[in-house]
Amino acid sequence: MNKLLLYLLFIIGSITFSLAQNFEKEYNAIESKVINWRREIHQNPELSNREFNTAEKIAKHLTSLGIEVQTGVAHTGVVGILKGKKAGKVIALRADIDALPVFERNDLPFKSTVTTEYKGEKVPVMHACGHDTHTAILMGVAEILSKHTDKINGTIKFIFQPAEEGPPEGEEGGALLMVKQGVLKNPDVDAIFGLHINSQTPVGVIRYKSGGIMAAAQKFIINVKGKQSHGARPWSGVDPILISAKIIDGLQTIISREVELTNEAAVITVGKITSGVRFNIIPESAEMIGTIRTLDYDMKTLINTRMQEMVPTIAKAYGGEATIEISDATDITYNDPDLVTQMLPTLNKVAGENNVQTQKAVTGAEDFSYFQKEVPGFFLLFRRNDPRKQSIISPSYARFYYR
């Protein structure tokens, strides 16, 4: 964990921080504290827009450090503002704080046994996506930097963001709401940094990609209208299930035949189909719900346009009707190329050139993208190393790693 604190401080350092001395003793001294924070947060997870106790813990810690604190940002978000003694840029560091409705399958002493209500049902809650680690790390970085304001050229904003996994239905939240409420203003942020633990990355390695590193995620809903009939007399009706199958086939040809996949990856997935009530009745309607993943804005526009053209046309060809609605969940997590170029010498110096590696884009999604849409940003992947080797990974971990 201390290496990651070092990486973050050096990222800040290359823009705002005068690294005139070696802080190795401070990293080592705070390491156990950061581990304990992470485990406490892990043991007490809270769902999106309901991170009340987590936010209180963060705010209390930042206040104790003499950092200016704003609470209630985007419902439960916390923002700390640390002003240096000298003029300079404004740098933001972001950590996400929410957990997921996932059951934790292990016997660790700090495992989560929390349950709560989600969509009208009682569900278990777990930090299955590493946000507990992100939060604890940023709390540690804030503590170290608060002791050295005389060496900070400018201002640092610590953004503890709720609802990265998406707000509850009918609510706003996450990075998009934080941006709307002005989290990048007063003082205006010049650049923002984020990170994510990654179980596929070796310990001590930092991975990055210039440009689109994680995909824009969109949700689509397709409603197909046919004509009900007996299953023994399909010619007397219009089968919405058959039409749905043809639409699914058609959507996949957008990816396989129309999108230039040598530029960037793209995905269209139908994750849910609902139709019918009985084995021998052709139903009147069908609904399909799915996701679109893109890493290039032009490709995103092309795919959206072709889906909107194709869906009603295919349905009409088979005697039915269909509508499609597409909504954004996250934007492209886009690492500003100039900022990446500026940061690489520092990362190489701290981690070693062999430990700073490029990687292919990830078709998972991150709402850190909404910050990057407003200001230059750099999002990194790394492997957490708990020196006591007590992993929090469960069988559900990989499934919920990203949106």
Protein backbone atom coordinates (compact mmCIF):
# COMPACT_ATOMS: atom_id res chain seq x y z
CA MET A 1 0.00 0.00 0.00
CA ASN A 2 2.86 2.40 0.73
CA LYS A 3 4.05 2.18 -2.88
CA LEU A 4 0.70 3.41 -4.09
CA LEU A 5 0.82 6.38 -1.76
CA LEU A 6 4.23 7.09 -3.25
CA TYR A 7 2.85 6.89 -6.79
CA LEU A 8 0.04 9.29 -6.01
CA LEU A 9 2.29 11.79 -4.30
CA PHE A 10 4.64 11.75 -7.26
CA ILE A 11 1.75 12.27 -9.68
CA ILE A 12 0.76 15.33 -7.68
CA GLY A 13 4.39 16.24 -7.34
CA SER A 14 5.08 16.61 -11.03
CA ILE A 15 2.57 19.48 -11.15
CA THR A 16 2.14 20.97 -7.69
CA PHE A 17 4.49 19.43 -5.16
CA SER A 18 8.11 20.22 -4.41
CA LEU A 19 9.72 16.89 -3.57
CA ALA A 20 12.73 18.16 -1.72
CA GLN A 21 12.86 15.38 0.84
CA ASN A 22 12.28 11.68 1.19
CA PHE A 23 8.93 10.82 2.78
CA GLU A 24 9.59 7.08 3.03
CA LYS A 25 9.20 7.09 6.83
CA GLU A 26 5.81 8.78 6.54
CA TYR A 27 4.60 6.22 3.99
CA ASN A 28 5.69 3.36 6.24
CA ALA A 29 4.14 4.96 9.31
CA ILE A 30 0.73 5.39 7.70
CA GLU A 31 0.60 2.05 5.91
CA SER A 32 -1.04 0.11 8.75
CA LYS A 33 -3.54 2.93 9.27
CA VAL A 34 -4.59 2.82 5.61
CA ILE A 35 -5.00 -0.97 5.77
CA ASN A 36 -7.16 -0.67 8.87
CA TRP A 37 -9.33 2.03 7.28
CA ARG A 38 -9.85 -0.16 4.25
CA ARG A 39 -10.89 -3.11 6.38
CA GLU A 40 -13.25 -1.03 8.49
CA ILE A 41 -14.89 0.36 5.37
CA HIS A 42 -14.98 -3.10 3.81
CA GLN A 43 -16.73 -4.49 6.88
CA ASN A 44 -19.33 -1.69 6.80
CA PRO A 45 -20.29 -1.22 3.14
CA GLU A 46 -23.10 1.05 1.96
CA LEU A 47 -24.97 1.18 -1.35
CA SER A 48 -25.02 4.09 -3.80
CA ASN A 49 -26.46 7.38 -2.46
CA ARG A 50 -26.71 5.74 0.98
CA GLU A 51 -23.05 6.04 2.06
CA PHE A 52 -23.93 8.04 5.19
CA ASN A 53 -21.54 6.42 7.69
CA THR A 54 -18.71 6.19 5.16
CA ALA A 55 -19.09 9.89 4.35
CA GLU A 56 -19.11 10.78 8.05
CA LYS A 57 -15.88 8.81 8.60
CA ILE A 58 -14.18 10.55 5.69
CA ALA A 59 -15.36 14.04 6.70
CA LYS A 60 -14.26 13.52 10.30
CA HIS A 61 -10.80 12.44 9.15
CA LEU A 62 -10.32 15.35 6.74
CA THR A 63 -11.53 17.85 9.36
CA SER A 64 -9.04 16.48 11.86
CA LEU A 65 -6.28 17.25 9.36
CA GLY A 66 -7.32 20.90 9.11
CA ILE A 67 -8.59 20.44 5.55
CA GLU A 68 -11.59 22.50 4.41
CA VAL A 69 -14.48 20.05 4.09
CA GLN A 70 -17.69 20.09 2.06
CA THR A 71 -20.32 17.43 2.74
CA GLY A 72 -23.61 16.47 1.13
CA VAL A 73 -22.18 16.88 -2.37
CA ALA A 74 -24.28 14.77 -4.77
CA HIS A 75 -26.19 13.50 -1.71
CA THR A 76 -23.39 11.80 0.27
CA GLY A 77 -20.17 12.95 -1.36
CA VAL A 78 -17.33 14.58 0.55
CA VAL A 79 -14.86 17.10 -0.87
CA GLY A 80 -11.71 18.24 0.88
CA ILE A 81 -9.80 21.35 -0.21
CA LEU A 82 -6.14 21.69 0.77
CA LYS A 83 -4.50 24.98 -0.14
CA GLY A 84 -0.75 25.19 -0.48
CA LYS A 85 1.38 28.07 0.68
CA LYS A 86 2.37 28.92 -2.86
CA ALA A 87 0.39 29.74 -6.02
CA GLY A 88 -0.11 27.03 -8.59
CA LYS A 89 -2.49 24.66 -10.33
CA VAL A 90 -5.58 22.99 -8.87
CA ILE A 91 -5.33 19.19 -8.91
CA ALA A 92 -8.23 16.86 -8.04
CA LEU A 93 -7.85 13.31 -6.74
CA ARG A 94 -10.96 11.13 -6.79
CA ALA A 95 -11.98 7.99 -4.90
CA ASP A 96 -15.36 6.25 -5.16
CA ILE A 97 -17.02 5.17 -1.91
CA ASP A 98 -20.09 3.00 -2.67
CA ALA A 99 -20.53 -0.79 -2.49
CA LEU A 100 -22.67 -3.35 -4.33
CA PRO A 101 -25.57 -5.72 -3.50
CA VAL A 102 -23.27 -8.76 -3.48
CA PHE A 103 -22.85 -11.62 -0.98
CA GLU A 104 -19.30 -12.01 0.33
CA ARG A 105 -18.12 -15.62 0.27
CA ASN A 106 -15.07 -15.94 2.51
CA ASP A 107 -14.16 -16.31 6.18
CA LEU A 108 -11.96 -13.25 6.67
CA PRO A 109 -12.31 -11.48 10.03
CA PHE A 110 -13.26 -8.24 8.27
CA LYS A 111 -15.79 -9.73 5.83
CA SER A 112 -19.08 -7.92 5.34
CA THR A 113 -22.23 -9.31 6.94
CA VAL A 114 -24.25 -6.20 6.18
CA THR A 115 -27.71 -6.46 4.65
CA THR A 116 -30.02 -3.71 3.49
CA GLU A 117 -33.01 -3.04 1.24
CA TYR A 118 -32.47 -2.77 -2.51
CA LYS A 119 -35.32 -2.57 -5.01
CA GLY A 120 -37.76 -3.65 -2.34
CA GLU A 121 -35.78 -6.73 -1.32
CA LYS A 122 -33.39 -7.52 1.50
CA VAL A 123 -29.91 -7.96 0.01
CA PRO A 124 -26.34 -8.47 1.23
CA VAL A 125 -23.85 -5.66 0.65
CA MET A 126 -20.15 -5.94 -0.20
CA HIS A 127 -17.26 -3.83 -1.46
CA ALA A 128 -16.82 -6.17 -4.42
CA CYS A 129 -15.24 -3.52 -6.64
CA GLY A 130 -12.41 -2.17 -4.50
CA HIS A 131 -13.91 1.20 -3.59
CA ASP A 132 -12.98 0.57 0.06
CA THR A 133 -9.33 0.44 -1.02
CA HIS A 134 -9.62 3.58 -3.15
CA THR A 135 -11.19 5.48 -0.25
CA ALA A 136 -8.60 4.39 2.31
CA ILE A 137 -5.72 5.29 -0.02
CA LEU A 138 -7.03 8.80 -0.63
CA MET A 139 -7.57 9.31 3.10
CA GLY A 140 -3.91 8.38 3.57
CA VAL A 141 -2.71 10.69 0.81
CA ALA A 142 -4.71 13.53 2.37
CA GLU A 143 -3.08 12.93 5.74
CA ILE A 144 0.45 13.05 4.37
CA LEU A 145 -0.11 16.08 2.16
CA SER A 146 -1.85 18.03 4.94
CA LYS A 147 1.46 18.06 6.80
CA HIS A 148 3.35 19.67 3.92
CA THR A 149 1.31 22.62 2.69
CA ASP A 150 4.52 24.66 2.62
CA LYS A 151 5.66 22.51 -0.31
CA ILE A 152 2.39 22.53 -2.26
CA ASN A 153 2.25 24.90 -5.20
CA GLY A 154 -1.48 25.44 -5.66
CA THR A 155 -4.50 23.55 -4.35
CA ILE A 156 -5.50 19.89 -4.07
CA LYS A 157 -9.13 18.76 -4.10
CA PHE A 158 -9.90 15.37 -2.56
CA ILE A 159 -13.13 14.13 -4.15
CA PHE A 160 -14.82 11.22 -2.39
CA GLN A 161 -17.56 10.31 -4.85
CA PRO A 162 -20.76 8.37 -4.07
CA ALA A 163 -22.79 6.21 -6.45
CA GLU A 164 -20.09 5.26 -8.95
CA GLU A 165 -22.02 2.02 -9.47
CA GLY A 166 -25.02 4.09 -10.53
CA PRO A 167 -27.69 5.83 -8.43
CA PRO A 168 -30.91 4.05 -7.46
CA GLU A 169 -33.71 4.18 -10.00
CA GLY A 170 -35.40 7.55 -10.02
CA GLU A 171 -32.44 9.34 -8.39
CA GLU A 172 -29.52 11.35 -9.70
CA GLY A 173 -26.04 10.69 -8.43
CA GLY A 174 -22.41 9.84 -9.05
CA ALA A 175 -19.82 11.85 -10.94
CA LEU A 176 -22.44 13.35 -13.26
CA LEU A 177 -24.31 14.95 -10.36
CA MET A 178 -21.07 16.08 -8.73
CA VAL A 179 -20.11 17.86 -11.95
CA LYS A 180 -23.57 19.39 -12.22
CA GLN A 181 -23.24 20.71 -8.66
CA GLY A 182 -19.89 22.34 -9.46
CA VAL A 183 -17.37 20.03 -7.81
CA LEU A 184 -14.75 21.01 -10.42
CA LYS A 185 -15.31 24.74 -9.76
CA ASN A 186 -14.38 27.19 -6.98
CA PRO A 187 -11.47 26.68 -7.30
CA ASP A 188 -11.47 25.48 -10.89
CA VAL A 189 -9.71 22.14 -11.37
CA ASP A 190 -6.89 22.00 -13.94
CA ALA A 191 -6.46 18.20 -13.99
CA ILE A 192 -7.95 15.19 -12.23
CA PHE A 193 -6.50 11.77 -11.35
CA GLY A 194 -8.25 8.51 -10.54
CA LEU A 195 -7.27 4.89 -10.00
CA HIS A 196 -8.74 1.42 -9.78
CA ILE A 197 -7.39 -1.76 -8.25
CA ASN A 198 -7.18 -4.61 -10.72
CA SER A 199 -6.68 -8.25 -9.82
CA GLN A 200 -5.16 -9.01 -13.25
CA THR A 201 -2.31 -6.54 -12.72
CA PRO A 202 0.86 -7.82 -10.98
CA VAL A 203 1.72 -6.28 -7.62
CA GLY A 204 3.86 -3.16 -8.04
CA VAL A 205 2.77 -2.58 -11.65
CA ILE A 206 0.86 0.44 -12.93
CA ARG A 207 -1.07 0.08 -16.18
CA TYR A 208 -2.45 2.84 -18.35
CA LYS A 209 -3.63 3.69 -21.85
CA SER A 210 -3.57 7.05 -23.56
CA GLY A 211 -6.95 7.98 -25.03
CA GLY A 212 -9.94 5.73 -24.34
CA ILE A 213 -9.04 3.27 -21.59
CA MET A 214 -12.57 2.26 -20.56
CA ALA A 215 -15.76 2.19 -22.57
CA ALA A 216 -18.81 4.39 -22.67
CA ALA A 217 -21.71 2.32 -21.34
CA GLN A 218 -25.21 2.76 -22.70
CA LYS A 219 -28.43 0.98 -21.87
CA PHE A 220 -31.03 0.22 -24.52
CA ILE A 221 -34.63 -0.97 -24.27
CA ILE A 222 -36.38 -2.43 -27.30
CA ASN A 223 -40.13 -2.98 -27.26
CA VAL A 224 -41.53 -5.25 -29.96
CA LYS A 225 -45.24 -5.35 -30.77
CA GLY A 226 -46.73 -8.31 -32.61
CA LYS A 227 -50.14 -9.98 -32.72
CA GLN A 228 -51.18 -12.69 -30.30
CA SER A 229 -52.26 -16.05 -31.66
CA HIS A 230 -52.32 -19.74 -30.78
CA GLY A 231 -48.96 -21.45 -31.04
CA ALA A 232 -50.57 -24.03 -33.29
CA ARG A 233 -51.62 -21.32 -35.78
CA PRO A 234 -48.62 -18.95 -36.07
CA TRP A 235 -49.82 -17.71 -39.47
CA SER A 236 -52.78 -16.03 -37.77
CA GLY A 237 -50.55 -13.78 -35.66
CA VAL A 238 -47.25 -11.86 -35.67
CA ASP A 239 -44.58 -13.44 -33.50
CA PRO A 240 -42.66 -10.82 -31.43
CA ILE A 241 -40.22 -13.48 -30.21
CA LEU A 242 -39.21 -14.33 -33.78
CA ILE A 243 -38.87 -10.61 -34.52
CA SER A 244 -36.71 -10.22 -31.41
CA ALA A 245 -34.41 -12.98 -32.65
CA LYS A 246 -34.06 -11.29 -36.02
CA ILE A 247 -33.33 -7.95 -34.34
CA ILE A 248 -30.60 -9.56 -32.21
CA ASP A 249 -29.04 -11.05 -35.35
CA GLY A 250 -29.22 -7.69 -37.07
CA LEU A 251 -27.63 -5.80 -34.19
CA GLN A 252 -24.63 -8.12 -34.21
CA THR A 253 -24.02 -7.38 -37.90
CA ILE A 254 -23.47 -3.73 -36.92
CA ILE A 255 -20.45 -4.90 -34.92
CA SER A 256 -19.24 -7.59 -37.32
CA ARG A 257 -19.84 -5.80 -40.63
CA GLU A 258 -20.14 -2.04 -40.14
CA VAL A 259 -17.79 -0.98 -37.34
CA GLU A 260 -14.06 -0.65 -38.03
CA LEU A 261 -12.91 -2.80 -35.13
CA THR A 262 -9.23 -2.30 -35.95
CA ASN A 263 -9.63 1.20 -34.48
CA GLU A 264 -11.33 0.33 -31.18
CA ALA A 265 -13.45 -2.44 -29.71
CA ALA A 266 -17.24 -2.20 -29.57
CA VAL A 267 -19.92 -4.43 -28.07
CA ILE A 268 -23.70 -4.78 -28.30
CA THR A 269 -25.17 -7.23 -25.79
CA VAL A 270 -28.81 -8.17 -25.19
CA GLY A 271 -28.89 -9.18 -21.53
CA LYS A 272 -32.60 -9.71 -20.94
CA ILE A 273 -35.65 -10.77 -22.98
CA THR A 274 -39.14 -10.82 -21.51
CA SER A 275 -42.10 -12.20 -23.44
CA GLY A 276 -45.04 -14.60 -23.21
CA VAL A 277 -47.00 -16.34 -20.47
CA ARG A 278 -47.63 -19.85 -21.77
CA PHE A 279 -45.91 -22.50 -23.89
CA ASN A 280 -48.59 -22.66 -26.60
CA ILE A 281 -49.42 -18.97 -27.03
CA ILE A 282 -47.61 -16.59 -29.34
CA PRO A 283 -47.54 -13.42 -27.23
CA GLU A 284 -48.46 -9.90 -28.24
CA SER A 285 -45.22 -8.22 -27.23
CA ALA A 286 -41.60 -8.68 -26.19
CA GLU A 287 -39.05 -6.50 -24.42
CA MET A 288 -35.28 -6.65 -24.76
CA ILE A 289 -32.80 -4.83 -22.53
CA GLY A 290 -29.08 -4.61 -23.21
CA THR A 291 -25.88 -2.62 -23.22
CA ILE A 292 -23.67 -0.89 -25.80
CA ARG A 293 -19.94 -0.43 -25.14
CA THR A 294 -17.83 1.95 -27.24
CA LEU A 295 -14.37 3.52 -26.97
CA ASP A 296 -14.61 6.05 -29.78
CA TYR A 297 -17.14 8.89 -30.10
CA ASP A 298 -17.62 8.49 -33.87
CA MET A 299 -18.18 4.74 -33.45
CA LYS A 300 -20.68 5.44 -30.69
CA THR A 301 -22.64 7.77 -32.96
CA LEU A 302 -22.57 5.24 -35.83
CA ILE A 303 -23.75 2.34 -33.67
CA ASN A 304 -26.54 4.37 -32.06
CA THR A 305 -27.76 5.63 -35.44
CA ARG A 306 -27.74 2.19 -37.05
CA MET A 307 -29.56 0.59 -34.11
CA GLN A 308 -32.28 3.24 -34.30
CA GLU A 309 -32.62 2.65 -38.05
CA MET A 310 -32.45 -1.13 -37.93
CA VAL A 311 -34.80 -2.03 -35.08
CA PRO A 312 -38.09 -0.63 -36.47
CA THR A 313 -37.16 -1.68 -40.02
CA ILE A 314 -36.59 -5.34 -39.11
CA ALA A 315 -39.81 -5.44 -37.10
CA LYS A 316 -41.77 -3.99 -40.03
CA ALA A 317 -40.26 -6.56 -42.41
CA TYR A 318 -41.88 -9.31 -40.30
CA GLY A 319 -45.22 -7.58 -39.87
CA GLY A 320 -44.64 -6.07 -36.45
CA GLU A 321 -43.55 -2.82 -34.85
CA ALA A 322 -40.59 -1.97 -32.60
CA THR A 323 -39.20 1.03 -30.76
CA ILE A 324 -35.79 1.55 -29.18
CA GLU A 325 -34.65 3.86 -26.39
CA ILE A 326 -30.94 4.41 -25.70
CA SER A 327 -29.67 6.11 -22.54
CA ASP A 328 -26.16 6.89 -21.29
CA ALA A 329 -24.75 5.24 -18.17
CA THR A 330 -21.15 6.47 -18.46
CA ASP A 331 -19.03 8.27 -21.01
CA ILE A 332 -15.68 7.10 -22.41
CA THR A 333 -12.97 7.10 -19.75
CA TYR A 334 -10.54 9.14 -21.82
CA ASN A 335 -6.99 9.74 -20.66
CA ASP A 336 -5.84 13.10 -22.00
CA PRO A 337 -2.80 12.30 -24.21
CA ASP A 338 -0.91 15.47 -23.25
CA LEU A 339 -1.44 14.81 -19.54
CA VAL A 340 -0.33 11.18 -19.96
CA THR A 341 2.85 12.33 -21.71
CA GLN A 342 3.52 14.82 -18.92
CA MET A 343 3.06 12.21 -16.20
CA LEU A 344 4.98 9.26 -17.63
CA PRO A 345 8.50 10.42 -16.69
CA THR A 346 7.39 10.75 -13.08
CA LEU A 347 5.70 7.34 -13.02
CA ASN A 348 8.76 5.72 -14.60
CA LYS A 349 11.04 7.37 -12.07
CA VAL A 350 9.03 6.15 -9.09
CA ALA A 351 7.84 2.71 -10.18
CA GLY A 352 10.60 1.85 -12.63
CA GLU A 353 10.11 1.76 -16.39
CA ASN A 354 9.45 -2.00 -16.39
CA ASN A 355 6.59 -1.52 -13.92
CA VAL A 356 4.76 1.17 -15.91
CA GLN A 357 2.99 -0.66 -18.70
CA THR A 358 0.52 0.18 -21.43
CA GLN A 359 -2.57 -1.98 -21.76
CA LYS A 360 -5.44 -2.58 -24.13
CA ALA A 361 -8.75 -0.83 -23.58
CA VAL A 362 -11.29 -2.30 -21.18
CA THR A 363 -14.93 -2.63 -22.27
CA GLY A 364 -16.05 -2.19 -18.69
CA ALA A 365 -17.08 1.34 -17.73
CA GLU A 366 -16.30 3.99 -15.10
CA ASP A 367 -18.15 7.21 -14.37
CA PHE A 368 -14.82 8.93 -13.69
CA SER A 369 -15.35 9.65 -17.39
CA TYR A 370 -17.73 12.52 -16.54
CA PHE A 371 -14.92 14.36 -14.74
CA GLN A 372 -12.61 13.78 -17.72
CA LYS A 373 -15.21 15.24 -20.06
CA GLU A 374 -14.83 18.57 -18.24
CA VAL A 375 -11.08 18.69 -17.47
CA PRO A 376 -7.98 16.71 -18.51
CA GLY A 377 -7.80 13.45 -16.56
CA PHE A 378 -5.61 10.40 -16.08
CA PHE A 379 -7.04 7.07 -14.87
CA LEU A 380 -4.67 4.29 -13.77
CA LEU A 381 -5.00 0.59 -12.94
CA PHE A 382 -2.86 -1.11 -10.30
CA ARG A 383 -2.75 -4.12 -7.99
CA ARG A 384 -3.37 -3.70 -4.29
CA ASN A 385 -0.86 -5.44 -2.04
CA ASP A 386 -1.96 -6.27 1.49
CA PRO A 387 1.23 -7.32 3.32
CA ARG A 388 -0.81 -9.68 5.48
CA LYS A 389 -2.10 -11.33 2.30
CA GLN A 390 -5.73 -11.35 3.40
CA SER A 391 -7.58 -10.92 0.15
CA ILE A 392 -11.09 -9.54 -0.11
CA ILE A 393 -11.71 -11.29 -3.41
CA SER A 394 -14.82 -13.48 -3.59
CA PRO A 395 -16.29 -15.51 -6.45
CA SER A 396 -18.45 -12.48 -7.25
CA TYR A 397 -15.48 -10.11 -7.48
CA ALA A 398 -14.69 -10.45 -11.17
CA ARG A 399 -18.31 -10.19 -12.25
CA PHE A 400 -18.80 -6.84 -10.56
CA TYR A 401 -15.37 -5.36 -11.15
CA TYR A 402 -16.64 -2.67 -13.49
CA ARG A 403 -20.04 -1.53 -14.67
